[in-house]
C-alpha atoms as a PDB file:
ATOM      1  CA  MET A   1     120.247  71.011  97.649  1.00  0.00           C
ATOM      2  CA  ILE A   2     120.225  73.342  94.649  1.00  0.00           C
ATOM      3  CA  HIS A   3     118.722  70.692  92.394  1.00  0.00           C
ATOM      4  CA  LEU A   4     115.933  70.111  94.951  1.00  0.00           C
ATOM      5  CA  SER A   5     115.230  73.848  95.023  1.00  0.00           C
ATOM      6  CA  LEU A   6     115.048  73.952  91.226  1.00  0.00           C
ATOM      7  CA  LEU A   7     112.704  70.962  91.286  1.00  0.00           C
ATOM      8  CA  ALA A   8     110.535  72.747  93.860  1.00  0.00           C
ATOM      9  CA  ILE A   9     110.398  75.885  91.684  1.00  0.00           C
ATOM     10  CA  GLY A  10     109.354  73.767  88.707  1.00  0.00           C
ATOM     11  CA  CYS A  11     106.630  72.064  90.762  1.00  0.00           C
ATOM     12  CA  ALA A  12     105.412  75.492  91.940  1.00  0.00           C
ATOM     13  CA  LEU A  13     105.097  76.767  88.371  1.00  0.00           C
ATOM     14  CA  LEU A  14     103.066  73.704  87.439  1.00  0.00           C
ATOM     15  CA  LEU A  15     100.952  73.879  90.594  1.00  0.00           C
ATOM     16  CA  GLY A  16     100.019  77.502  89.903  1.00  0.00           C
ATOM     17  CA  PHE A  17      99.133  76.615  86.315  1.00  0.00           C
ATOM     18  CA  PHE A  18      96.946  73.657  87.317  1.00  0.00           C
ATOM     19  CA  VAL A  19      95.225  75.585  90.134  1.00  0.00           C
ATOM     20  CA  GLN A  20      94.273  78.238  87.578  1.00  0.00           C
ATOM     21  CA  GLN A  21      93.097  75.627  85.078  1.00  0.00           C
ATOM     22  CA  ALA A  22      90.859  73.984  87.693  1.00  0.00           C
ATOM     23  CA  SER A  23      89.596  77.291  89.178  1.00  0.00           C
ATOM     24  CA  THR A  24      90.272  75.790  92.602  1.00  0.00           C
ATOM     25  CA  CYS A  25      88.454  77.644  95.392  1.00  0.00           C
ATOM     26  CA  ALA A  26      86.672  76.530  98.564  1.00  0.00           C
ATOM     27  CA  VAL A  27      84.373  79.573  98.529  1.00  0.00           C
ATOM     28  CA  THR A  28      83.342  78.905  94.923  1.00  0.00           C
ATOM     29  CA  ALA A  29      82.692  75.267  95.883  1.00  0.00           C
ATOM     30  CA  ALA A  30      80.411  76.416  98.711  1.00  0.00           C
ATOM     31  CA  LYS A  31      78.490  78.722  96.373  1.00  0.00           C
ATOM     32  CA  GLU A  32      78.098  75.851  93.910  1.00  0.00           C
ATOM     33  CA  ILE A  33      76.561  73.699  96.652  1.00  0.00           C
ATOM     34  CA  VAL A  34      74.276  76.391  98.073  1.00  0.00           C
ATOM     35  CA  ILE A  35      73.118  78.012  94.820  1.00  0.00           C
ATOM     36  CA  TYR A  36      73.255  75.196  92.254  1.00  0.00           C
ATOM     37  CA  ARG A  37      73.001  72.134  94.534  1.00  0.00           C
ATOM     38  CA  LYS A  38      76.096  70.603  92.913  1.00  0.00           C
ATOM     39  CA  THR A  39      79.176  69.054  94.481  1.00  0.00           C
ATOM     40  CA  THR A  40      81.502  69.168  91.475  1.00  0.00           C
ATOM     41  CA  LEU A  41      84.269  71.248  93.062  1.00  0.00           C
ATOM     42  CA  LEU A  42      83.923  69.479  96.402  1.00  0.00           C
ATOM     43  CA  ARG A  43      84.537  66.149  94.664  1.00  0.00           C
ATOM     44  CA  SER A  44      87.483  67.691  92.854  1.00  0.00           C
ATOM     45  CA  PHE A  45      89.057  68.545  96.238  1.00  0.00           C
ATOM     46  CA  LEU A  46      88.658  64.917  97.289  1.00  0.00           C
ATOM     47  CA  LEU A  47      90.349  63.903  94.032  1.00  0.00           C
ATOM     48  CA  ALA A  48      93.307  66.222  94.736  1.00  0.00           C
ATOM     49  CA  THR A  49      93.636  64.906  98.297  1.00  0.00           C
ATOM     50  CA  GLY A  50      93.369  61.291  97.117  1.00  0.00           C
ATOM     51  CA  THR A  51      96.060  61.802  94.496  1.00  0.00           C
ATOM     52  CA  ALA A  52      98.253  63.644  96.994  1.00  0.00           C
ATOM     53  CA  GLY A  53      97.663  60.840  99.486  1.00  0.00           C
ATOM     54  CA  MET A  54      99.087  58.251  97.102  1.00  0.00           C
ATOM     55  CA  ILE A  55     102.210  60.393  96.651  1.00  0.00           C
ATOM     56  CA  VAL A  56     102.545  61.001 100.402  1.00  0.00           C
ATOM     57  CA  VAL A  57     102.181  57.305 101.307  1.00  0.00           C
ATOM     58  CA  THR A  58     104.759  56.326  98.684  1.00  0.00           C
ATOM     59  CA  LEU A  59     107.268  58.973  99.764  1.00  0.00           C
ATOM     60  CA  ALA A  60     106.817  58.187 103.461  1.00  0.00           C
ATOM     61  CA  THR A  61     107.268  54.455 102.871  1.00  0.00           C
ATOM     62  CA  VAL A  62     110.284  54.788 100.589  1.00  0.00           C
ATOM     63  CA  GLY A  63     111.932  57.964 101.863  1.00  0.00           C
ATOM     64  CA  GLY A  64     111.190  57.720 105.585  1.00  0.00           C
ATOM     65  CA  ASP A  65     112.490  60.707 107.534  1.00  0.00           C
ATOM     66  CA  ARG A  66     114.297  62.115 104.499  1.00  0.00           C
ATOM     67  CA  VAL A  67     111.064  63.706 103.236  1.00  0.00           C
ATOM     68  CA  HIS A  68     108.783  66.080 105.084  1.00  0.00           C
ATOM     69  CA  ILE A  69     105.418  64.498 105.856  1.00  0.00           C
ATOM     70  CA  ALA A  70     102.912  66.408 107.985  1.00  0.00           C
ATOM     71  CA  GLY A  71     102.853  65.329 111.610  1.00  0.00           C
ATOM     72  CA  ASP A  72      99.758  65.286 113.806  1.00  0.00           C
ATOM     73  CA  THR A  73      98.700  67.213 116.895  1.00  0.00           C
ATOM     74  CA  VAL A  74      95.763  66.784 119.231  1.00  0.00           C
ATOM     75  CA  PRO A  75      92.778  68.843 117.974  1.00  0.00           C
ATOM     76  CA  SER A  76      92.108  71.723 120.329  1.00  0.00           C
ATOM     77  CA  ALA A  77      89.724  74.616 120.842  1.00  0.00           C
ATOM     78  CA  SER A  78      92.371  76.911 119.389  1.00  0.00           C
ATOM     79  CA  LEU A  79      92.561  74.833 116.217  1.00  0.00           C
ATOM     80  CA  ALA A  80      88.768  74.796 115.870  1.00  0.00           C
ATOM     81  CA  LEU A  81      88.538  78.553 116.392  1.00  0.00           C
ATOM     82  CA  GLY A  82      91.376  79.140 113.936  1.00  0.00           C
ATOM     83  CA  ALA A  83      89.648  77.048 111.266  1.00  0.00           C
ATOM     84  CA  ALA A  84      86.428  79.007 111.771  1.00  0.00           C
ATOM     85  CA  VAL A  85      88.250  82.365 111.618  1.00  0.00           C
ATOM     86  CA  PHE A  86      90.040  81.264 108.448  1.00  0.00           C
ATOM     87  CA  GLY A  87      86.690  80.281 106.910  1.00  0.00           C
ATOM     88  CA  LEU A  88      85.262  83.689 107.820  1.00  0.00           C
ATOM     89  CA  GLY A  89      88.259  85.397 106.215  1.00  0.00           C
ATOM     90  CA  ALA A  90      87.861  83.355 103.035  1.00  0.00           C
ATOM     91  CA  VAL A  91      84.194  84.361 102.746  1.00  0.00           C
ATOM     92  CA  VAL A  92      85.003  88.032 103.383  1.00  0.00           C
ATOM     93  CA  ASN A  93      87.727  87.886 100.719  1.00  0.00           C
ATOM     94  CA  ASP A  94      85.396  85.883  98.429  1.00  0.00           C
ATOM     95  CA  ALA A  95      88.192  83.368  97.823  1.00  0.00           C
ATOM     96  CA  CYS A  96      90.408  80.983  99.782  1.00  0.00           C
ATOM     97  CA  LEU A  97      94.192  80.905  99.331  1.00  0.00           C
ATOM     98  CA  PHE A  98      93.994  78.792  96.185  1.00  0.00           C
ATOM     99  CA  GLY A  99      91.053  80.809  94.920  1.00  0.00           C
ATOM    100  CA  THR A 100      93.020  84.025  95.395  1.00  0.00           C
ATOM    101  CA  LEU A 101      95.875  82.592  93.356  1.00  0.00           C
ATOM    102  CA  SER A 102      93.454  81.566  90.610  1.00  0.00           C
ATOM    103  CA  ARG A 103      91.769  85.000  90.525  1.00  0.00           C
ATOM    104  CA  ILE A 104      95.111  86.801  90.307  1.00  0.00           C
ATOM    105  CA  GLY A 105      95.883  84.603  87.310  1.00  0.00           C
ATOM    106  CA  GLN A 106      92.685  85.935  85.725  1.00  0.00           C
ATOM    107  CA  GLY A 107      93.785  89.546  86.209  1.00  0.00           C
ATOM    108  CA  GLN A 108      91.516  90.425  89.142  1.00  0.00           C
ATOM    109  CA  LEU A 109      93.788  92.966  90.812  1.00  0.00           C
ATOM    110  CA  ARG A 110      91.686  93.382  93.965  1.00  0.00           C
ATOM    111  CA  PHE A 111      92.985  90.042  95.249  1.00  0.00           C
ATOM    112  CA  LEU A 112      96.535  91.404  95.423  1.00  0.00           C
ATOM    113  CA  MET A 113      95.290  93.264  98.505  1.00  0.00           C
ATOM    114  CA  LEU A 114      95.146  89.908 100.289  1.00  0.00           C
ATOM    115  CA  PHE A 115      98.937  90.019 100.697  1.00  0.00           C
ATOM    116  CA  PRO A 116      99.004  93.233 102.806  1.00  0.00           C
ATOM    117  CA  GLY A 117      96.074  91.802 104.775  1.00  0.00           C
ATOM    118  CA  LEU A 118      98.017  88.621 105.525  1.00  0.00           C
ATOM    119  CA  ALA A 119     101.032  90.707 106.493  1.00  0.00           C
ATOM    120  CA  ALA A 120      98.920  92.802 108.882  1.00  0.00           C
ATOM    121  CA  GLY A 121      97.474  89.683 110.491  1.00  0.00           C
ATOM    122  CA  PHE A 122     100.881  88.106 110.992  1.00  0.00           C
ATOM    123  CA  PHE A 123     102.343  91.392 112.232  1.00  0.00           C
ATOM    124  CA  LEU A 124      99.717  91.573 114.974  1.00  0.00           C
ATOM    125  CA  ASP A 125     101.027  88.318 116.418  1.00  0.00           C
ATOM    126  CA  THR A 126     104.463  88.689 117.951  1.00  0.00           C
ATOM    127  CA  ASN A 127     104.986  84.923 117.664  1.00  0.00           C
ATOM    128  CA  ALA A 128     104.200  84.802 113.950  1.00  0.00           C
ATOM    129  CA  ARG A 129     107.731  83.609 113.164  1.00  0.00           C
ATOM    130  CA  MET A 130     107.573  80.007 114.371  1.00  0.00           C
ATOM    131  CA  PRO A 131     110.950  78.226 114.462  1.00  0.00           C
ATOM    132  CA  PRO A 132     111.267  75.147 112.240  1.00  0.00           C
ATOM    133  CA  VAL A 133     110.813  71.900 114.140  1.00  0.00           C
ATOM    134  CA  PRO A 134     112.169  68.428 113.394  1.00  0.00           C
ATOM    135  CA  ASN A 135     110.049  66.120 111.282  1.00  0.00           C
ATOM    136  CA  PRO A 136     107.493  64.823 113.831  1.00  0.00           C
ATOM    137  CA  GLY A 137     107.055  61.492 112.056  1.00  0.00           C
ATOM    138  CA  ASN A 138     103.925  60.083 110.450  1.00  0.00           C
ATOM    139  CA  LEU A 139     101.616  57.107 110.350  1.00  0.00           C
ATOM    140  CA  PHE A 140     103.261  55.401 107.409  1.00  0.00           C
ATOM    141  CA  THR A 141     107.001  55.120 108.074  1.00  0.00           C
ATOM    142  CA  GLY A 142     107.737  51.552 109.183  1.00  0.00           C
ATOM    143  CA  HIS A 143     104.111  50.419 108.831  1.00  0.00           C
ATOM    144  CA  VAL A 144     103.897  48.630 105.494  1.00  0.00           C
ATOM    145  CA  ALA A 145     100.418  47.145 106.008  1.00  0.00           C
ATOM    146  CA  LEU A 146      98.932  50.498 107.053  1.00  0.00           C
ATOM    147  CA  SER A 147     100.674  52.209 104.137  1.00  0.00           C
ATOM    148  CA  ALA A 148      99.251  49.661 101.695  1.00  0.00           C
ATOM    149  CA  MET A 149      95.728  50.084 103.093  1.00  0.00           C
ATOM    150  CA  ALA A 150      95.999  53.883 102.959  1.00  0.00           C
ATOM    151  CA  PHE A 151      97.325  53.782  99.388  1.00  0.00           C
ATOM    152  CA  VAL A 152      94.435  51.559  98.236  1.00  0.00           C
ATOM    153  CA  GLY A 153      91.942  53.833 100.014  1.00  0.00           C
ATOM    154  CA  PHE A 154      93.354  56.990  98.468  1.00  0.00           C
ATOM    155  CA  ALA A 155      93.494  55.331  95.037  1.00  0.00           C
ATOM    156  CA  ALA A 156      89.871  54.178  95.287  1.00  0.00           C
ATOM    157  CA  ALA A 157      88.634  57.633  96.335  1.00  0.00           C
ATOM    158  CA  ALA A 158      90.657  59.324  93.598  1.00  0.00           C
ATOM    159  CA  SER A 159      89.426  56.848  90.973  1.00  0.00           C
ATOM    160  CA  VAL A 160      85.748  57.372  91.838  1.00  0.00           C
ATOM    161  CA  CYS A 161      86.113  61.153  91.793  1.00  0.00           C
ATOM    162  CA  PHE A 162      88.210  61.103  88.600  1.00  0.00           C
ATOM    163  CA  ARG A 163      85.512  59.190  86.729  1.00  0.00           C
ATOM    164  CA  SER A 164      82.739  61.479  87.936  1.00  0.00           C
ATOM    165  CA  LEU A 165      84.618  64.592  86.774  1.00  0.00           C
ATOM    166  CA  MET A 166      86.013  63.387  83.430  1.00  0.00           C
ATOM    167  CA  THR A 167      83.396  65.081  81.260  1.00  0.00           C
ATOM    168  CA  ILE A 168      83.729  68.516  82.875  1.00  0.00           C
ATOM    169  CA  ARG A 169      85.921  70.621  80.644  1.00  0.00           C
ATOM    170  CA  HIS A 170      86.029  74.150  79.290  1.00  0.00           C
ATOM    171  CA  PRO A 171      87.684  75.388  76.072  1.00  0.00           C
ATOM    172  CA  ARG A 172      91.463  75.755  76.408  1.00  0.00           C
ATOM    173  CA  HIS A 173      91.290  74.131  79.849  1.00  0.00           C
ATOM    174  CA  LEU A 174      92.432  70.741  81.023  1.00  0.00           C
ATOM    175  CA  SER A 175      89.548  68.566  82.164  1.00  0.00           C
ATOM    176  CA  LEU A 176      88.746  69.150  85.837  1.00  0.00           C
ATOM    177  CA  SER A 177      89.711  65.577  86.697  1.00  0.00           C
ATOM    178  CA  VAL A 178      93.160  65.880  85.093  1.00  0.00           C
ATOM    179  CA  ALA A 179      93.814  69.373  86.481  1.00  0.00           C
ATOM    180  CA  MET A 180      92.938  68.456  90.070  1.00  0.00           C
ATOM    181  CA  SER A 181      94.895  65.191  89.873  1.00  0.00           C
ATOM    182  CA  LEU A 182      97.941  67.207  88.833  1.00  0.00           C
ATOM    183  CA  VAL A 183      97.284  69.725  91.626  1.00  0.00           C
ATOM    184  CA  GLY A 184      97.490  66.784  94.028  1.00  0.00           C
ATOM    185  CA  VAL A 185     100.712  65.446  92.493  1.00  0.00           C
ATOM    186  CA  THR A 186     102.621  68.736  92.254  1.00  0.00           C
ATOM    187  CA  GLY A 187     101.343  70.081  95.580  1.00  0.00           C
ATOM    188  CA  SER A 188     102.217  66.970  97.587  1.00  0.00           C
ATOM    189  CA  LEU A 189     105.678  66.835  96.002  1.00  0.00           C
ATOM    190  CA  LEU A 190     106.235  70.480  96.919  1.00  0.00           C
ATOM    191  CA  TYR A 191     105.299  69.939 100.559  1.00  0.00           C
ATOM    192  CA  ALA A 192     107.543  66.870 100.725  1.00  0.00           C
ATOM    193  CA  LEU A 193     110.528  68.602  99.095  1.00  0.00           C
ATOM    194  CA  GLN A 194     110.346  72.155 100.418  1.00  0.00           C
ATOM    195  CA  ARG A 195     109.089  73.246 103.819  1.00  0.00           C
ATOM    196  CA  GLY A 196     107.496  76.674 104.209  1.00  0.00           C
ATOM    197  CA  TRP A 197     107.234  77.502 100.503  1.00  0.00           C
ATOM    198  CA  SER A 198     103.678  78.889 100.233  1.00  0.00           C
ATOM    199  CA  TYR A 199     103.152  82.633  99.918  1.00  0.00           C
ATOM    200  CA  THR A 200     101.570  82.752 103.383  1.00  0.00           C
ATOM    201  CA  ASP A 201     104.673  81.102 104.877  1.00  0.00           C
ATOM    202  CA  VAL A 202     107.003  83.484 103.024  1.00  0.00           C
ATOM    203  CA  ILE A 203     105.101  86.574 104.188  1.00  0.00           C
ATOM    204  CA  ARG A 204     105.031  85.325 107.777  1.00  0.00           C
ATOM    205  CA  ASP A 205     108.692  84.371 107.874  1.00  0.00           C
ATOM    206  CA  TYR A 206     110.053  87.552 106.297  1.00  0.00           C
ATOM    207  CA  LEU A 207     107.929  89.842 108.451  1.00  0.00           C
ATOM    208  CA  ALA A 208     109.371  88.599 111.715  1.00  0.00           C
ATOM    209  CA  MET A 209     112.760  89.306 113.224  1.00  0.00           C
ATOM    210  CA  PRO A 210     115.450  86.831 112.139  1.00  0.00           C
ATOM    211  CA  LEU A 211     116.023  83.956 114.483  1.00  0.00           C
ATOM    212  CA  PRO A 212     119.390  83.994 116.245  1.00  0.00           C
ATOM    213  CA  GLY A 213     122.303  81.745 115.404  1.00  0.00           C
ATOM    214  CA  PRO A 214     122.002  78.689 113.125  1.00  0.00           C
ATOM    215  CA  MET A 215     118.187  78.740 113.304  1.00  0.00           C
ATOM    216  CA  ALA A 216     118.254  81.739 110.961  1.00  0.00           C
ATOM    217  CA  MET A 217     119.622  79.497 108.210  1.00  0.00           C
ATOM    218  CA  MET A 218     116.966  76.771 108.499  1.00  0.00           C
ATOM    219  CA  THR A 219     114.392  78.507 106.305  1.00  0.00           C
ATOM    220  CA  PRO A 220     115.271  77.487 102.694  1.00  0.00           C
ATOM    221  CA  PHE A 221     116.530  80.457 100.687  1.00  0.00           C
ATOM    222  CA  ALA A 222     114.514  79.327  97.657  1.00  0.00           C
ATOM    223  CA  ASN A 223     111.110  79.734  99.333  1.00  0.00           C
ATOM    224  CA  PRO A 224     110.400  83.257  97.987  1.00  0.00           C
ATOM    225  CA  PHE A 225     111.287  82.064  94.474  1.00  0.00           C
ATOM    226  CA  VAL A 226     108.983  79.059  94.897  1.00  0.00           C
ATOM    227  CA  ALA A 227     106.103  81.303  96.010  1.00  0.00           C
ATOM    228  CA  VAL A 228     106.671  83.717  93.093  1.00  0.00           C
ATOM    229  CA  ALA A 229     106.872  80.770  90.689  1.00  0.00           C
ATOM    230  CA  MET A 230     103.425  79.614  91.803  1.00  0.00           C
ATOM    231  CA  VAL A 231     101.953  83.058  91.072  1.00  0.00           C
ATOM    232  CA  LEU A 232     103.682  83.130  87.661  1.00  0.00           C
ATOM    233  CA  GLY A 233     102.279  79.678  86.945  1.00  0.00           C
ATOM    234  CA  SER A 234      98.779  80.941  87.678  1.00  0.00           C
ATOM    235  CA  LEU A 235      99.300  83.916  85.351  1.00  0.00           C
ATOM    236  CA  ALA A 236     100.497  81.522  82.636  1.00  0.00           C
ATOM    237  CA  GLY A 237      97.361  79.446  83.171  1.00  0.00           C
ATOM    238  CA  GLY A 238      95.148  82.502  82.819  1.00  0.00           C
ATOM    239  CA  LEU A 239      96.896  83.594  79.625  1.00  0.00           C
ATOM    240  CA  TYR A 240      96.783  80.084  78.150  1.00  0.00           C
ATOM    241  CA  SER A 241      93.059  79.705  78.807  1.00  0.00           C
ATOM    242  CA  GLN A 242      92.432  83.282  77.578  1.00  0.00           C
ATOM    243  CA  ASN A 243      90.796  84.132  80.905  1.00  0.00           C
ATOM    244  CA  PHE A 244      93.250  86.911  81.740  1.00  0.00           C
ATOM    245  CA  ARG A 245      91.431  90.237  81.762  1.00  0.00           C
ATOM    246  CA  VAL A 246      92.718  93.075  83.918  1.00  0.00           C
ATOM    247  CA  GLU A 247      89.884  94.066  86.223  1.00  0.00           C
ATOM    248  CA  ARG A 248      90.257  97.373  88.015  1.00  0.00           C
ATOM    249  CA  PRO A 249      89.445  97.073  91.718  1.00  0.00           C
ATOM    250  CA  ARG A 250      86.983  99.134  93.700  1.00  0.00           C
ATOM    251  CA  LEU A 251      87.653 100.457  97.186  1.00  0.00           C
ATOM    252  CA  ARG A 252      85.022  98.171  98.728  1.00  0.00           C
ATOM    253  CA  THR A 253      86.510  95.030  97.192  1.00  0.00           C
ATOM    254  CA  LEU A 254      90.036  96.101  98.137  1.00  0.00           C
ATOM    255  CA  LEU A 255      88.926  96.480 101.755  1.00  0.00           C
ATOM    256  CA  ARG A 256      87.237  93.071 101.645  1.00  0.00           C
ATOM    257  CA  SER A 257      90.426  91.390 100.472  1.00  0.00           C
ATOM    258  CA  PHE A 258      92.532  93.212 103.077  1.00  0.00           C
ATOM    259  CA  VAL A 259      90.214  92.292 105.965  1.00  0.00           C
ATOM    260  CA  GLY A 260      89.819  88.764 104.609  1.00  0.00           C
ATOM    261  CA  GLY A 261      93.595  88.369 104.478  1.00  0.00           C
ATOM    262  CA  LEU A 262      93.974  89.647 108.035  1.00  0.00           C
ATOM    263  CA  LEU A 263      91.397  87.136 109.316  1.00  0.00           C
ATOM    264  CA  MET A 264      92.945  84.274 107.369  1.00  0.00           C
ATOM    265  CA  ALA A 265      96.379  85.110 108.811  1.00  0.00           C
ATOM    266  CA  VAL A 266      94.965  84.881 112.340  1.00  0.00           C
ATOM    267  CA  GLY A 267      93.388  81.537 111.490  1.00  0.00           C
ATOM    268  CA  ILE A 268      96.595  80.213 109.903  1.00  0.00           C
ATOM    269  CA  LEU A 269      98.555  80.925 113.094  1.00  0.00           C
ATOM    270  CA  MET A 270      95.983  79.126 115.237  1.00  0.00           C
ATOM    271  CA  ILE A 271      95.585  75.975 113.105  1.00  0.00           C
ATOM    272  CA  PRO A 272      98.496  76.269 111.974  1.00  0.00           C
ATOM    273  CA  GLY A 273      98.281  76.388 108.163  1.00  0.00           C
ATOM    274  CA  GLY A 274      95.775  77.374 105.495  1.00  0.00           C
ATOM    275  CA  ASN A 275      93.470  75.331 103.290  1.00  0.00           C
ATOM    276  CA  ASP A 276      96.313  74.697 100.822  1.00  0.00           C
ATOM    277  CA  THR A 277      98.429  73.047 103.537  1.00  0.00           C
ATOM    278  CA  LEU A 278      95.461  71.063 104.843  1.00  0.00           C
ATOM    279  CA  LEU A 279      94.307  69.867 101.423  1.00  0.00           C
ATOM    280  CA  LEU A 280      97.679  68.774 100.031  1.00  0.00           C
ATOM    281  CA  SER A 281      99.764  67.959 103.113  1.00  0.00           C
ATOM    282  CA  ALA A 282      97.871  67.404 106.366  1.00  0.00           C
ATOM    283  CA  MET A 283      94.879  65.408 105.103  1.00  0.00           C
ATOM    284  CA  PRO A 284      96.911  63.202 102.717  1.00  0.00           C
ATOM    285  CA  ALA A 285      99.016  62.300 105.781  1.00  0.00           C
ATOM    286  CA  LEU A 286      95.764  61.292 107.548  1.00  0.00           C
ATOM    287  CA  THR A 287      96.327  63.695 110.435  1.00  0.00           C
ATOM    288  CA  LEU A 288      93.359  64.067 112.766  1.00  0.00           C
ATOM    289  CA  SER A 289      94.133  67.745 113.295  1.00  0.00           C
ATOM    290  CA  GLY A 290      94.165  68.359 109.533  1.00  0.00           C
ATOM    291  CA  LEU A 291      90.884  66.526 108.957  1.00  0.00           C
ATOM    292  CA  THR A 292      89.274  68.384 111.883  1.00  0.00           C
ATOM    293  CA  ALA A 293      90.475  71.806 110.765  1.00  0.00           C
ATOM    294  CA  TYR A 294      89.430  71.309 107.146  1.00  0.00           C
ATOM    295  CA  THR A 295      85.984  70.040 108.167  1.00  0.00           C
ATOM    296  CA  ILE A 296      85.361  73.038 110.442  1.00  0.00           C
ATOM    297  CA  MET A 297      86.738  75.424 107.831  1.00  0.00           C
ATOM    298  CA  THR A 298      84.479  74.003 105.109  1.00  0.00           C
ATOM    299  CA  ALA A 299      81.442  73.961 107.400  1.00  0.00           C
ATOM    300  CA  THR A 300      82.062  77.609 108.326  1.00  0.00           C
ATOM    301  CA  ILE A 301      82.329  78.655 104.675  1.00  0.00           C
ATOM    302  CA  LEU A 302      79.130  76.747 103.834  1.00  0.00           C
ATOM    303  CA  PHE A 303      77.233  78.236 106.789  1.00  0.00           C
ATOM    304  CA  LEU A 304      78.300  81.802 106.006  1.00  0.00           C
ATOM    305  CA  THR A 305      77.489  81.283 102.330  1.00  0.00           C
ATOM    306  CA  VAL A 306      73.947  80.179 103.253  1.00  0.00           C
ATOM    307  CA  VAL A 307      73.538  83.179 105.590  1.00  0.00           C
ATOM    308  CA  SER A 308      74.894  85.579 102.950  1.00  0.00           C
ATOM    309  CA  ARG A 309      72.565  84.064 100.369  1.00  0.00           C
ATOM    310  CA  ARG A 310      69.523  84.555 102.577  1.00  0.00           C
ATOM    311  CA  LEU A 311      70.556  88.110 103.370  1.00  0.00           C
ATOM    312  CA  ARG A 312      71.125  88.639  99.628  1.00  0.00           C
ATOM    313  CA  LEU A 313      74.773  89.512 100.137  1.00  0.00           C
ATOM    314  CA  LEU A 314      75.917  87.125  97.387  1.00  0.00           C
END
């Protein structure tokens, strides 16, 4: 198990680096659509999901129940509300979970306030510490024909998006197509190898009272190291691209990040999961709940971005 934990830490370092290189952020993507009428970042998300989907299908077909593939649940009103609340929190914070990671890697200190906000949101819910559950199964294990069709579909979507993004590159940055492809690869491997590794999971799990008996040992000990490794990877990406500039926060922006984090935590508990989980785990596994939540989340961010634009809040 130690070698798997070390592999997960390595994947987290790379994921943080590639997220920073691609400037991955759902809120930034919405602004790009509303203000500039471009879908560059939106297509890059589809590329990451397509690449992750190929990894997920392969692992599910070859590894079966030995790897963790996202299971599905029936979409509900709670899930829809959670996705909308998460979208609201992302707009208030001015960055989603990936966007926050990317901004921290650029030295924008205000986004560190997201962590106390997440903690406050999880603390408000007495059931924030959800016990691990057995692997619920997936669409692909034991279904070779379906797996092959899904793999071809993911590959086709990723190929189209990769070609359309190849020319987009900034100095000392990987091209957007390469960076987002690698986000898909490293992120999907992380979710398959290590459950509960993201910084939102770590904050939620360590806030709550320990579970009694053997359940207390089911949360991998390496998860905090994996989460820290992802942040360090983002900082390395910012330094490499020479985008790291320490930016002193203002009280107003600190409050925005805190409130945004609190709202996102509430949404995460209702979905469950954030946009990172949905993008690189739930949607690549073709879960209806993941597709529904991400669609509502994106629509909410777009709607609030349009409203903010018209009210001149952006």
